[in-house]
Amino acid sequence: MNPTTKPRVKICCISSIEEAKMAIFYGASALGLVSAMPSGPGVISEELITEIAVLVPPGVSTFLLTSKQDIKSIIEQQRRCGVNTIQICDDLILGKYQDLRDAMAGIDIVKVIHVIGEESIKEAIAVAPLVDGILLDSGNKYLPIKQLGGTGKVHNWDISKKIRELVDVPVYLAGGLNSENVAAAIQQVSPFGLDVCTGVRTNYKLDETKLSKFLSQVY
């Protein structure tokens, strides 16, 4: 996928209607809505995810972050929440991606690749033809308590750049981004999109000053 000069920005861990409105006001093109996870910040109820998703205007993507690993549960969750994008944060172990496509026509599927080493390149290449996008994050699905996002840690951007060059779907870059390093991240990786959670928050709440500063470094 060819790099873009001005990546799209996804503000993740949206925890309220007010945060959603703030993110959209400042130019976010996507919102991340976190359902049940084994660890990490930003988890909200499916009821609140539904309330937020229905209020988001056309042109802004609503990403449901799911830790579910079977297609039946993922399909049911999407139908309950009414989002237009599913972000699969763990491995799919029951069912196939094509089954998801068949059941959720018009819903984008984004697969998270947790960049922990060179093996992540092979993982990304294998899954890219099956999904609509890839999101490169700094979690670790192999830990006793899985980390599937929101770590606030930067991973190896050299690996992220290789993945972006080798796959033919949009690539989002996540993991420890903030206003101090996002310009360097764009220059090095040239991602289609950026995903930020902790880098625009203070005490887990969306910080208007940090949000504005972050977006000013992108746009």
N, C-alpha and C. Protein backbone atom coordinates (compact mmCIF):
# COMPACT_ATOMS: atom_id res chain seq x y z
N MET A 1 0.86 -1.19 0.00
CA MET A 1 0.00 0.00 0.00
C MET A 1 0.90 1.24 0.00
N ASN A 2 0.67 2.12 -0.94
CA ASN A 2 1.49 3.31 -1.01
C ASN A 2 1.26 4.22 0.20
N PRO A 3 2.33 4.87 0.68
CA PRO A 3 2.17 5.74 1.84
C PRO A 3 1.35 6.97 1.53
N THR A 4 0.72 7.50 2.52
CA THR A 4 -0.02 8.74 2.38
C THR A 4 0.73 9.85 3.10
N THR A 5 0.57 11.08 2.64
CA THR A 5 1.29 12.18 3.26
C THR A 5 0.64 12.60 4.57
N LYS A 6 -0.68 12.54 4.63
CA LYS A 6 -1.39 12.92 5.85
C LYS A 6 -2.26 11.73 6.29
N PRO A 7 -1.77 10.95 7.22
CA PRO A 7 -2.52 9.76 7.62
C PRO A 7 -3.83 10.11 8.32
N ARG A 8 -4.75 9.19 8.22
CA ARG A 8 -5.98 9.32 8.99
C ARG A 8 -5.67 9.09 10.47
N VAL A 9 -6.50 9.63 11.32
CA VAL A 9 -6.26 9.50 12.76
C VAL A 9 -7.45 8.84 13.43
N LYS A 10 -7.17 7.77 14.15
CA LYS A 10 -8.17 7.08 14.95
C LYS A 10 -7.89 7.36 16.41
N ILE A 11 -8.85 7.93 17.10
CA ILE A 11 -8.74 8.17 18.54
C ILE A 11 -9.39 6.98 19.23
N CYS A 12 -8.60 6.25 19.98
CA CYS A 12 -9.08 5.01 20.58
C CYS A 12 -9.43 5.21 22.05
N CYS A 13 -10.06 4.18 22.61
CA CYS A 13 -10.46 4.17 24.03
C CYS A 13 -11.49 5.25 24.35
N ILE A 14 -12.35 5.56 23.39
CA ILE A 14 -13.41 6.54 23.63
C ILE A 14 -14.33 6.01 24.73
N SER A 15 -14.53 6.83 25.76
CA SER A 15 -15.26 6.33 26.94
C SER A 15 -16.60 7.01 27.18
N SER A 16 -16.96 7.97 26.33
CA SER A 16 -18.23 8.67 26.54
C SER A 16 -18.64 9.37 25.25
N ILE A 17 -19.90 9.78 25.22
CA ILE A 17 -20.39 10.56 24.08
C ILE A 17 -19.62 11.86 23.97
N GLU A 18 -19.29 12.47 25.10
CA GLU A 18 -18.54 13.74 25.10
C GLU A 18 -17.17 13.56 24.48
N GLU A 19 -16.48 12.45 24.82
CA GLU A 19 -15.17 12.20 24.22
C GLU A 19 -15.29 11.98 22.71
N ALA A 20 -16.33 11.29 22.30
CA ALA A 20 -16.53 11.06 20.87
C ALA A 20 -16.72 12.38 20.13
N LYS A 21 -17.52 13.26 20.69
CA LYS A 21 -17.77 14.55 20.05
C LYS A 21 -16.49 15.39 19.99
N MET A 22 -15.68 15.34 21.06
CA MET A 22 -14.43 16.08 21.08
C MET A 22 -13.47 15.58 20.01
N ALA A 23 -13.34 14.26 19.91
CA ALA A 23 -12.43 13.68 18.93
C ALA A 23 -12.85 14.06 17.51
N ILE A 24 -14.14 13.98 17.24
CA ILE A 24 -14.64 14.33 15.91
C ILE A 24 -14.43 15.81 15.63
N PHE A 25 -14.67 16.65 16.61
CA PHE A 25 -14.50 18.10 16.46
C PHE A 25 -13.08 18.44 16.03
N TYR A 26 -12.10 17.74 16.60
CA TYR A 26 -10.71 18.04 16.31
C TYR A 26 -10.17 17.32 15.07
N GLY A 27 -11.02 16.56 14.40
CA GLY A 27 -10.63 16.02 13.11
C GLY A 27 -10.36 14.54 13.03
N ALA A 28 -10.74 13.78 14.06
CA ALA A 28 -10.55 12.33 13.99
C ALA A 28 -11.40 11.75 12.87
N SER A 29 -10.82 10.80 12.13
CA SER A 29 -11.57 10.14 11.08
C SER A 29 -12.11 8.79 11.52
N ALA A 30 -11.71 8.36 12.74
CA ALA A 30 -12.21 7.10 13.28
C ALA A 30 -12.17 7.14 14.79
N LEU A 31 -13.08 6.40 15.42
CA LEU A 31 -13.14 6.27 16.87
C LEU A 31 -12.98 4.81 17.23
N GLY A 32 -12.19 4.55 18.28
CA GLY A 32 -12.03 3.20 18.78
C GLY A 32 -12.85 2.97 20.02
N LEU A 33 -13.71 1.95 19.99
CA LEU A 33 -14.63 1.64 21.08
C LEU A 33 -14.28 0.25 21.60
N VAL A 34 -13.80 0.19 22.84
CA VAL A 34 -13.18 -1.02 23.36
C VAL A 34 -14.19 -1.85 24.14
N SER A 35 -14.44 -3.06 23.67
CA SER A 35 -15.28 -3.99 24.42
C SER A 35 -14.39 -4.82 25.34
N ALA A 36 -14.95 -5.82 25.99
CA ALA A 36 -14.25 -6.59 27.03
C ALA A 36 -12.88 -7.08 26.56
N MET A 37 -11.86 -6.82 27.39
CA MET A 37 -10.48 -7.21 27.11
C MET A 37 -9.88 -7.88 28.35
N PRO A 38 -8.85 -8.72 28.15
CA PRO A 38 -8.20 -9.33 29.31
C PRO A 38 -7.40 -8.35 30.15
N SER A 39 -7.00 -7.21 29.55
CA SER A 39 -6.26 -6.17 30.28
C SER A 39 -6.31 -4.90 29.45
N GLY A 40 -5.82 -3.81 30.03
CA GLY A 40 -5.71 -2.57 29.29
C GLY A 40 -6.83 -1.59 29.58
N PRO A 41 -6.65 -0.33 29.14
CA PRO A 41 -7.60 0.74 29.45
C PRO A 41 -8.74 0.83 28.45
N GLY A 42 -9.73 1.63 28.79
CA GLY A 42 -10.72 2.06 27.83
C GLY A 42 -11.93 1.18 27.64
N VAL A 43 -12.04 0.08 28.39
CA VAL A 43 -13.17 -0.82 28.18
C VAL A 43 -14.47 -0.16 28.62
N ILE A 44 -15.47 -0.23 27.76
CA ILE A 44 -16.80 0.28 28.09
C ILE A 44 -17.84 -0.79 27.75
N SER A 45 -19.06 -0.59 28.21
CA SER A 45 -20.11 -1.58 27.99
C SER A 45 -20.56 -1.56 26.53
N GLU A 46 -21.11 -2.67 26.09
CA GLU A 46 -21.65 -2.72 24.74
C GLU A 46 -22.82 -1.75 24.58
N GLU A 47 -23.53 -1.52 25.65
CA GLU A 47 -24.65 -0.56 25.59
C GLU A 47 -24.14 0.84 25.26
N LEU A 48 -23.04 1.24 25.91
CA LEU A 48 -22.48 2.56 25.64
C LEU A 48 -21.85 2.62 24.25
N ILE A 49 -21.21 1.53 23.83
CA ILE A 49 -20.68 1.48 22.46
C ILE A 49 -21.80 1.73 21.45
N THR A 50 -22.93 1.10 21.67
CA THR A 50 -24.08 1.27 20.77
C THR A 50 -24.56 2.71 20.76
N GLU A 51 -24.65 3.32 21.94
CA GLU A 51 -25.10 4.71 22.04
C GLU A 51 -24.16 5.65 21.29
N ILE A 52 -22.87 5.42 21.41
CA ILE A 52 -21.90 6.28 20.73
C ILE A 52 -21.95 6.05 19.23
N ALA A 53 -21.96 4.78 18.81
CA ALA A 53 -21.91 4.46 17.38
C ALA A 53 -23.06 5.09 16.60
N VAL A 54 -24.23 5.11 17.19
CA VAL A 54 -25.40 5.61 16.47
C VAL A 54 -25.33 7.13 16.28
N LEU A 55 -24.53 7.82 17.10
CA LEU A 55 -24.43 9.28 17.02
C LEU A 55 -23.30 9.76 16.11
N VAL A 56 -22.43 8.87 15.70
CA VAL A 56 -21.27 9.26 14.91
C VAL A 56 -21.71 9.58 13.47
N PRO A 57 -21.29 10.72 12.94
CA PRO A 57 -21.75 11.12 11.60
C PRO A 57 -21.11 10.28 10.49
N PRO A 58 -21.74 10.25 9.32
CA PRO A 58 -21.14 9.55 8.18
C PRO A 58 -19.75 10.10 7.88
N GLY A 59 -18.88 9.23 7.45
CA GLY A 59 -17.51 9.66 7.16
C GLY A 59 -16.54 9.41 8.28
N VAL A 60 -17.07 9.14 9.48
CA VAL A 60 -16.22 8.79 10.62
C VAL A 60 -16.44 7.32 10.94
N SER A 61 -15.36 6.55 10.94
CA SER A 61 -15.46 5.11 11.18
C SER A 61 -15.60 4.81 12.66
N THR A 62 -16.40 3.81 12.98
CA THR A 62 -16.53 3.35 14.36
C THR A 62 -15.94 1.95 14.46
N PHE A 63 -14.80 1.85 15.14
CA PHE A 63 -14.09 0.59 15.31
C PHE A 63 -14.52 -0.07 16.61
N LEU A 64 -15.04 -1.28 16.53
CA LEU A 64 -15.30 -2.08 17.73
C LEU A 64 -14.08 -2.96 17.97
N LEU A 65 -13.36 -2.73 19.06
CA LEU A 65 -12.23 -3.56 19.43
C LEU A 65 -12.76 -4.78 20.17
N THR A 66 -12.50 -5.94 19.61
CA THR A 66 -13.00 -7.17 20.21
C THR A 66 -11.85 -8.13 20.50
N SER A 67 -11.95 -8.83 21.63
CA SER A 67 -10.97 -9.87 21.97
C SER A 67 -11.54 -11.25 21.66
N LYS A 68 -12.74 -11.29 21.12
CA LYS A 68 -13.38 -12.57 20.82
C LYS A 68 -12.64 -13.26 19.68
N GLN A 69 -12.65 -14.60 19.69
CA GLN A 69 -11.85 -15.37 18.75
C GLN A 69 -12.66 -16.33 17.88
N ASP A 70 -13.99 -16.26 17.99
CA ASP A 70 -14.83 -17.09 17.14
C ASP A 70 -15.78 -16.21 16.36
N ILE A 71 -16.04 -16.60 15.11
CA ILE A 71 -16.80 -15.72 14.24
C ILE A 71 -18.24 -15.51 14.71
N LYS A 72 -18.84 -16.51 15.32
CA LYS A 72 -20.22 -16.37 15.77
C LYS A 72 -20.34 -15.25 16.79
N SER A 73 -19.43 -15.22 17.76
CA SER A 73 -19.47 -14.18 18.80
C SER A 73 -19.18 -12.80 18.21
N ILE A 74 -18.25 -12.73 17.26
CA ILE A 74 -17.90 -11.45 16.65
C ILE A 74 -19.07 -10.91 15.84
N ILE A 75 -19.71 -11.76 15.07
CA ILE A 75 -20.86 -11.34 14.28
C ILE A 75 -21.98 -10.84 15.18
N GLU A 76 -22.27 -11.58 16.24
CA GLU A 76 -23.33 -11.17 17.17
C GLU A 76 -22.99 -9.85 17.83
N GLN A 77 -21.72 -9.67 18.19
CA GLN A 77 -21.31 -8.43 18.84
C GLN A 77 -21.46 -7.23 17.90
N GLN A 78 -21.07 -7.39 16.66
CA GLN A 78 -21.23 -6.30 15.69
C GLN A 78 -22.69 -5.93 15.51
N ARG A 79 -23.53 -6.92 15.46
CA ARG A 79 -24.96 -6.65 15.26
C ARG A 79 -25.57 -5.95 16.47
N ARG A 80 -25.10 -6.28 17.65
CA ARG A 80 -25.59 -5.59 18.85
C ARG A 80 -25.13 -4.13 18.88
N CYS A 81 -23.89 -3.89 18.47
CA CYS A 81 -23.28 -2.57 18.67
C CYS A 81 -23.47 -1.62 17.50
N GLY A 82 -23.70 -2.16 16.30
CA GLY A 82 -23.98 -1.30 15.15
C GLY A 82 -22.80 -0.50 14.63
N VAL A 83 -21.59 -0.98 14.86
CA VAL A 83 -20.39 -0.30 14.36
C VAL A 83 -20.16 -0.66 12.89
N ASN A 84 -19.32 0.16 12.21
CA ASN A 84 -19.06 -0.13 10.80
C ASN A 84 -17.70 -0.78 10.56
N THR A 85 -16.91 -0.98 11.63
CA THR A 85 -15.60 -1.62 11.50
C THR A 85 -15.36 -2.53 12.70
N ILE A 86 -14.85 -3.73 12.43
CA ILE A 86 -14.48 -4.65 13.50
C ILE A 86 -12.96 -4.72 13.57
N GLN A 87 -12.40 -4.46 14.75
CA GLN A 87 -10.96 -4.58 14.98
C GLN A 87 -10.71 -5.83 15.81
N ILE A 88 -10.16 -6.84 15.16
CA ILE A 88 -9.92 -8.13 15.80
C ILE A 88 -8.55 -8.08 16.47
N CYS A 89 -8.54 -8.14 17.80
CA CYS A 89 -7.32 -7.89 18.56
C CYS A 89 -6.54 -9.15 18.91
N ASP A 90 -7.13 -10.30 18.67
CA ASP A 90 -6.47 -11.57 18.98
C ASP A 90 -6.59 -12.47 17.76
N ASP A 91 -6.09 -13.68 17.85
CA ASP A 91 -6.16 -14.61 16.74
C ASP A 91 -7.57 -15.15 16.57
N LEU A 92 -7.99 -15.31 15.32
CA LEU A 92 -9.27 -15.95 15.02
C LEU A 92 -9.05 -17.46 15.02
N ILE A 93 -9.73 -18.17 15.91
CA ILE A 93 -9.47 -19.60 16.05
C ILE A 93 -10.66 -20.47 15.67
N LEU A 94 -11.85 -19.90 15.62
CA LEU A 94 -13.04 -20.66 15.20
C LEU A 94 -13.71 -19.93 14.06
N GLY A 95 -13.59 -20.49 12.85
CA GLY A 95 -14.16 -19.85 11.69
C GLY A 95 -13.11 -19.15 10.86
N LYS A 96 -13.53 -18.64 9.70
CA LYS A 96 -12.63 -18.00 8.76
C LYS A 96 -13.04 -16.55 8.50
N TYR A 97 -12.07 -15.76 8.06
CA TYR A 97 -12.35 -14.36 7.76
C TYR A 97 -13.42 -14.22 6.68
N GLN A 98 -13.42 -15.12 5.72
CA GLN A 98 -14.44 -15.05 4.67
C GLN A 98 -15.84 -15.24 5.25
N ASP A 99 -15.93 -16.04 6.31
CA ASP A 99 -17.23 -16.20 6.97
C ASP A 99 -17.71 -14.88 7.56
N LEU A 100 -16.77 -14.12 8.11
CA LEU A 100 -17.13 -12.80 8.64
C LEU A 100 -17.59 -11.88 7.52
N ARG A 101 -16.86 -11.88 6.42
CA ARG A 101 -17.24 -11.04 5.28
C ARG A 101 -18.65 -11.39 4.78
N ASP A 102 -18.90 -12.69 4.67
CA ASP A 102 -20.20 -13.12 4.16
C ASP A 102 -21.34 -12.70 5.08
N ALA A 103 -21.08 -12.72 6.38
CA ALA A 103 -22.13 -12.42 7.36
C ALA A 103 -22.28 -10.92 7.62
N MET A 104 -21.23 -10.16 7.36
CA MET A 104 -21.24 -8.73 7.69
C MET A 104 -20.90 -7.90 6.46
N ALA A 105 -21.73 -7.99 5.46
CA ALA A 105 -21.51 -7.24 4.23
C ALA A 105 -21.44 -5.74 4.53
N GLY A 106 -20.42 -5.08 4.00
CA GLY A 106 -20.27 -3.64 4.20
C GLY A 106 -19.54 -3.25 5.47
N ILE A 107 -19.20 -4.22 6.30
CA ILE A 107 -18.47 -3.94 7.54
C ILE A 107 -16.99 -4.23 7.30
N ASP A 108 -16.14 -3.25 7.58
CA ASP A 108 -14.70 -3.44 7.40
C ASP A 108 -14.12 -4.30 8.52
N ILE A 109 -13.14 -5.10 8.17
CA ILE A 109 -12.45 -5.96 9.13
C ILE A 109 -10.99 -5.55 9.19
N VAL A 110 -10.54 -5.17 10.37
CA VAL A 110 -9.15 -4.77 10.59
C VAL A 110 -8.53 -5.73 11.60
N LYS A 111 -7.40 -6.31 11.25
CA LYS A 111 -6.72 -7.26 12.13
C LYS A 111 -5.52 -6.61 12.80
N VAL A 112 -5.43 -6.76 14.11
CA VAL A 112 -4.29 -6.24 14.86
C VAL A 112 -3.13 -7.23 14.77
N ILE A 113 -1.97 -6.70 14.45
CA ILE A 113 -0.72 -7.45 14.52
C ILE A 113 0.10 -6.84 15.64
N HIS A 114 0.38 -7.62 16.66
CA HIS A 114 1.21 -7.13 17.77
C HIS A 114 2.67 -7.35 17.40
N VAL A 115 3.37 -6.26 17.18
CA VAL A 115 4.74 -6.31 16.66
C VAL A 115 5.70 -6.65 17.79
N ILE A 116 6.14 -7.89 17.81
CA ILE A 116 7.05 -8.32 18.86
C ILE A 116 8.38 -8.84 18.29
N GLY A 117 8.48 -8.90 16.97
CA GLY A 117 9.71 -9.37 16.34
C GLY A 117 9.49 -9.59 14.86
N GLU A 118 10.53 -10.11 14.19
CA GLU A 118 10.46 -10.33 12.75
C GLU A 118 9.33 -11.28 12.36
N GLU A 119 8.94 -12.17 13.29
CA GLU A 119 7.86 -13.10 12.96
C GLU A 119 6.54 -12.38 12.69
N SER A 120 6.43 -11.14 13.19
CA SER A 120 5.21 -10.37 12.96
C SER A 120 5.04 -10.02 11.48
N ILE A 121 6.15 -9.96 10.74
CA ILE A 121 6.08 -9.67 9.31
C ILE A 121 5.35 -10.80 8.59
N LYS A 122 5.72 -12.04 8.89
CA LYS A 122 5.07 -13.20 8.27
C LYS A 122 3.59 -13.24 8.62
N GLU A 123 3.29 -12.94 9.88
CA GLU A 123 1.89 -12.95 10.32
C GLU A 123 1.07 -11.92 9.54
N ALA A 124 1.63 -10.73 9.35
CA ALA A 124 0.92 -9.67 8.63
C ALA A 124 0.72 -10.03 7.16
N ILE A 125 1.75 -10.57 6.53
CA ILE A 125 1.64 -10.95 5.13
C ILE A 125 0.58 -12.02 4.93
N ALA A 126 0.50 -12.96 5.86
CA ALA A 126 -0.46 -14.07 5.74
C ALA A 126 -1.90 -13.59 5.87
N VAL A 127 -2.15 -12.64 6.75
CA VAL A 127 -3.53 -12.24 7.02
C VAL A 127 -4.00 -11.10 6.10
N ALA A 128 -3.09 -10.34 5.53
CA ALA A 128 -3.46 -9.15 4.76
C ALA A 128 -4.48 -9.41 3.66
N PRO A 129 -4.35 -10.50 2.87
CA PRO A 129 -5.33 -10.71 1.80
C PRO A 129 -6.74 -11.02 2.30
N LEU A 130 -6.88 -11.31 3.58
CA LEU A 130 -8.15 -11.75 4.14
C LEU A 130 -8.95 -10.63 4.79
N VAL A 131 -8.32 -9.45 4.97
CA VAL A 131 -8.94 -8.37 5.74
C VAL A 131 -8.89 -7.06 4.96
N ASP A 132 -9.52 -6.03 5.52
CA ASP A 132 -9.56 -4.72 4.87
C ASP A 132 -8.45 -3.80 5.34
N GLY A 133 -7.80 -4.15 6.44
CA GLY A 133 -6.71 -3.33 6.96
C GLY A 133 -5.99 -4.05 8.08
N ILE A 134 -4.80 -3.55 8.39
CA ILE A 134 -3.99 -4.09 9.48
C ILE A 134 -3.63 -2.96 10.42
N LEU A 135 -3.66 -3.25 11.71
CA LEU A 135 -3.26 -2.28 12.72
C LEU A 135 -2.09 -2.85 13.51
N LEU A 136 -0.97 -2.13 13.49
CA LEU A 136 0.26 -2.58 14.14
C LEU A 136 0.34 -1.96 15.53
N ASP A 137 0.34 -2.82 16.55
CA ASP A 137 0.31 -2.35 17.93
C ASP A 137 1.44 -3.00 18.73
N SER A 138 1.51 -2.65 20.01
CA SER A 138 2.62 -3.08 20.86
C SER A 138 2.20 -4.03 21.96
N GLY A 139 1.11 -4.75 21.76
CA GLY A 139 0.66 -5.71 22.75
C GLY A 139 1.45 -7.01 22.67
N ASN A 140 1.00 -7.98 23.46
CA ASN A 140 1.62 -9.31 23.46
C ASN A 140 0.55 -10.33 23.81
N LYS A 141 0.14 -11.08 22.81
CA LYS A 141 -0.93 -12.07 23.01
C LYS A 141 -0.42 -13.35 23.65
N TYR A 142 0.89 -13.45 23.87
CA TYR A 142 1.48 -14.66 24.44
C TYR A 142 1.69 -14.59 25.95
N LEU A 143 1.40 -13.47 26.55
CA LEU A 143 1.56 -13.34 28.00
C LEU A 143 0.46 -14.11 28.73
N PRO A 144 0.71 -14.50 30.00
CA PRO A 144 -0.33 -15.19 30.78
C PRO A 144 -1.63 -14.40 30.84
N ILE A 145 -1.51 -13.08 31.04
CA ILE A 145 -2.65 -12.18 30.89
C ILE A 145 -2.38 -11.36 29.63
N LYS A 146 -3.10 -11.64 28.58
CA LYS A 146 -2.81 -11.04 27.29
C LYS A 146 -2.89 -9.51 27.33
N GLN A 147 -1.96 -8.87 26.61
CA GLN A 147 -2.02 -7.44 26.37
C GLN A 147 -2.42 -7.25 24.91
N LEU A 148 -3.62 -6.75 24.68
CA LEU A 148 -4.15 -6.64 23.33
C LEU A 148 -4.30 -5.19 22.88
N GLY A 149 -3.66 -4.26 23.60
CA GLY A 149 -3.71 -2.86 23.21
C GLY A 149 -3.62 -1.95 24.42
N GLY A 150 -3.44 -0.66 24.14
CA GLY A 150 -3.41 0.34 25.20
C GLY A 150 -2.21 0.25 26.12
N THR A 151 -1.09 -0.27 25.61
CA THR A 151 0.09 -0.43 26.47
C THR A 151 0.86 0.88 26.66
N GLY A 152 0.70 1.81 25.72
CA GLY A 152 1.47 3.05 25.79
C GLY A 152 2.93 2.86 25.42
N LYS A 153 3.27 1.72 24.84
CA LYS A 153 4.66 1.40 24.50
C LYS A 153 4.88 1.48 22.99
N VAL A 154 6.06 1.97 22.61
CA VAL A 154 6.45 2.01 21.21
C VAL A 154 7.12 0.69 20.84
N HIS A 155 6.77 0.15 19.69
CA HIS A 155 7.46 -1.05 19.21
C HIS A 155 8.49 -0.67 18.15
N ASN A 156 9.05 -1.67 17.50
CA ASN A 156 10.10 -1.44 16.51
C ASN A 156 9.49 -0.94 15.20
N TRP A 157 9.66 0.33 14.91
CA TRP A 157 9.07 0.92 13.71
C TRP A 157 9.73 0.42 12.43
N ASP A 158 10.95 -0.09 12.52
CA ASP A 158 11.57 -0.67 11.33
C ASP A 158 10.76 -1.86 10.83
N ILE A 159 10.26 -2.67 11.78
CA ILE A 159 9.42 -3.80 11.40
C ILE A 159 8.09 -3.30 10.84
N SER A 160 7.54 -2.28 11.46
CA SER A 160 6.28 -1.72 10.98
C SER A 160 6.43 -1.20 9.55
N LYS A 161 7.55 -0.56 9.27
CA LYS A 161 7.79 -0.04 7.92
C LYS A 161 7.86 -1.18 6.92
N LYS A 162 8.54 -2.26 7.28
CA LYS A 162 8.63 -3.42 6.38
C LYS A 162 7.25 -3.98 6.09
N ILE A 163 6.43 -4.08 7.12
CA ILE A 163 5.08 -4.60 6.93
C ILE A 163 4.29 -3.70 6.00
N ARG A 164 4.37 -2.40 6.23
CA ARG A 164 3.65 -1.45 5.39
C ARG A 164 4.07 -1.58 3.93
N GLU A 165 5.35 -1.82 3.70
CA GLU A 165 5.86 -1.94 2.33
C GLU A 165 5.44 -3.25 1.67
N LEU A 166 5.20 -4.29 2.46
CA LEU A 166 4.99 -5.62 1.91
C LEU A 166 3.52 -6.02 1.75
N VAL A 167 2.62 -5.33 2.43
CA VAL A 167 1.20 -5.70 2.33
C VAL A 167 0.47 -4.71 1.43
N ASP A 168 -0.67 -5.15 0.93
CA ASP A 168 -1.41 -4.34 -0.03
C ASP A 168 -2.76 -3.89 0.53
N VAL A 169 -2.81 -3.69 1.83
CA VAL A 169 -4.00 -3.14 2.48
C VAL A 169 -3.56 -1.96 3.35
N PRO A 170 -4.48 -1.08 3.73
CA PRO A 170 -4.12 0.03 4.60
C PRO A 170 -3.54 -0.45 5.92
N VAL A 171 -2.52 0.26 6.39
CA VAL A 171 -1.85 -0.08 7.65
C VAL A 171 -1.99 1.09 8.61
N TYR A 172 -2.52 0.80 9.80
CA TYR A 172 -2.58 1.77 10.90
C TYR A 172 -1.42 1.49 11.85
N LEU A 173 -0.82 2.56 12.34
CA LEU A 173 0.26 2.43 13.31
C LEU A 173 -0.24 2.86 14.68
N ALA A 174 -0.05 1.99 15.67
CA ALA A 174 -0.45 2.28 17.06
C ALA A 174 0.73 1.96 17.97
N GLY A 175 0.57 2.26 19.24
CA GLY A 175 1.57 1.91 20.23
C GLY A 175 2.45 3.06 20.67
N GLY A 176 2.08 3.70 21.77
CA GLY A 176 2.94 4.71 22.38
C GLY A 176 3.07 6.01 21.61
N LEU A 177 2.15 6.28 20.70
CA LEU A 177 2.23 7.52 19.94
C LEU A 177 1.79 8.70 20.80
N ASN A 178 2.44 9.84 20.61
CA ASN A 178 2.07 11.08 21.28
C ASN A 178 2.53 12.25 20.42
N SER A 179 2.28 13.46 20.89
CA SER A 179 2.60 14.64 20.08
C SER A 179 4.11 14.81 19.89
N GLU A 180 4.90 14.18 20.74
CA GLU A 180 6.36 14.34 20.65
C GLU A 180 6.98 13.41 19.61
N ASN A 181 6.35 12.28 19.35
CA ASN A 181 6.98 11.31 18.45
C ASN A 181 6.19 11.01 17.18
N VAL A 182 4.98 11.57 17.06
CA VAL A 182 4.13 11.17 15.93
C VAL A 182 4.69 11.66 14.60
N ALA A 183 5.33 12.81 14.55
CA ALA A 183 5.91 13.28 13.29
C ALA A 183 7.01 12.33 12.82
N ALA A 184 7.83 11.86 13.75
CA ALA A 184 8.88 10.90 13.41
C ALA A 184 8.28 9.57 12.94
N ALA A 185 7.19 9.17 13.58
CA ALA A 185 6.53 7.93 13.18
C ALA A 185 6.00 8.01 11.75
N ILE A 186 5.40 9.13 11.43
CA ILE A 186 4.88 9.33 10.07
C ILE A 186 6.02 9.29 9.06
N GLN A 187 7.10 9.97 9.39
CA GLN A 187 8.24 10.03 8.48
C GLN A 187 8.86 8.65 8.25
N GLN A 188 8.97 7.87 9.32
CA GLN A 188 9.64 6.58 9.22
C GLN A 188 8.76 5.50 8.61
N VAL A 189 7.50 5.44 9.03
CA VAL A 189 6.64 4.32 8.65
C VAL A 189 5.71 4.67 7.48
N SER A 190 5.32 5.92 7.35
CA SER A 190 4.36 6.35 6.33
C SER A 190 3.08 5.52 6.36
N PRO A 191 2.43 5.43 7.53
CA PRO A 191 1.22 4.60 7.60
C PRO A 191 0.02 5.27 6.95
N PHE A 192 -0.95 4.44 6.61
CA PHE A 192 -2.23 4.95 6.12
C PHE A 192 -2.96 5.71 7.23
N GLY A 193 -2.83 5.18 8.47
CA GLY A 193 -3.53 5.78 9.59
C GLY A 193 -2.73 5.67 10.88
N LEU A 194 -3.10 6.49 11.84
CA LEU A 194 -2.50 6.49 13.17
C LEU A 194 -3.57 6.17 14.19
N ASP A 195 -3.17 5.45 15.23
CA ASP A 195 -4.10 5.08 16.30
C ASP A 195 -3.49 5.50 17.62
N VAL A 196 -4.22 6.31 18.38
CA VAL A 196 -3.68 6.82 19.64
C VAL A 196 -4.71 6.69 20.75
N CYS A 197 -4.24 6.26 21.91
CA CYS A 197 -5.10 6.15 23.10
C CYS A 197 -4.47 6.92 24.26
N THR A 198 -3.46 6.32 24.88
CA THR A 198 -2.88 6.92 26.09
C THR A 198 -2.17 8.24 25.79
N GLY A 199 -1.69 8.43 24.57
CA GLY A 199 -0.92 9.64 24.24
C GLY A 199 -1.73 10.92 24.20
N VAL A 200 -3.06 10.81 24.24
CA VAL A 200 -3.91 12.01 24.25
C VAL A 200 -4.81 12.03 25.50
N ARG A 201 -4.34 11.33 26.54
CA ARG A 201 -5.15 11.22 27.75
C ARG A 201 -4.37 11.63 29.00
N THR A 202 -5.10 12.12 29.97
CA THR A 202 -4.58 12.40 31.30
C THR A 202 -5.50 11.71 32.31
N ASN A 203 -4.91 10.86 33.13
CA ASN A 203 -5.72 10.08 34.09
C ASN A 203 -6.87 9.36 33.38
N TYR A 204 -6.54 8.79 32.22
CA TYR A 204 -7.45 7.97 31.41
C TYR A 204 -8.58 8.76 30.75
N LYS A 205 -8.57 10.08 30.89
CA LYS A 205 -9.60 10.90 30.25
C LYS A 205 -9.00 11.64 29.06
N LEU A 206 -9.79 11.74 27.99
CA LEU A 206 -9.34 12.44 26.80
C LEU A 206 -9.02 13.88 27.17
N ASP A 207 -7.79 14.30 26.86
CA ASP A 207 -7.27 15.62 27.23
C ASP A 207 -7.31 16.51 26.00
N GLU A 208 -8.12 17.55 26.05
CA GLU A 208 -8.31 18.40 24.88
C GLU A 208 -7.01 19.04 24.41
N THR A 209 -6.18 19.45 25.35
CA THR A 209 -4.90 20.08 24.98
C THR A 209 -3.99 19.08 24.28
N LYS A 210 -3.87 17.87 24.85
CA LYS A 210 -3.02 16.84 24.23
C LYS A 210 -3.57 16.42 22.87
N LEU A 211 -4.89 16.32 22.78
CA LEU A 211 -5.53 15.92 21.53
C LEU A 211 -5.24 16.95 20.44
N SER A 212 -5.44 18.22 20.77
CA SER A 212 -5.20 19.28 19.80
C SER A 212 -3.74 19.31 19.36
N LYS A 213 -2.83 19.14 20.31
CA LYS A 213 -1.40 19.17 20.00
C LYS A 213 -1.01 17.98 19.12
N PHE A 214 -1.57 16.82 19.43
CA PHE A 214 -1.27 15.62 18.63
C PHE A 214 -1.72 15.82 17.19
N LEU A 215 -2.94 16.27 17.00
CA LEU A 215 -3.49 16.42 15.66
C LEU A 215 -2.79 17.53 14.88
N SER A 216 -2.31 18.54 15.61
CA SER A 216 -1.57 19.62 14.92
C SER A 216 -0.26 19.10 14.35
N GLN A 217 0.29 18.04 14.93
CA GLN A 217 1.53 17.44 14.41
C GLN A 217 1.26 16.56 13.18
N VAL A 218 -0.01 16.18 13.01
CA VAL A 218 -0.37 15.33 11.88
C VAL A 218 -0.85 16.16 10.70
N TYR A 219 -1.73 17.12 11.01
CA TYR A 219 -2.34 17.92 9.94
C TYR A 219 -1.73 19.31 9.81
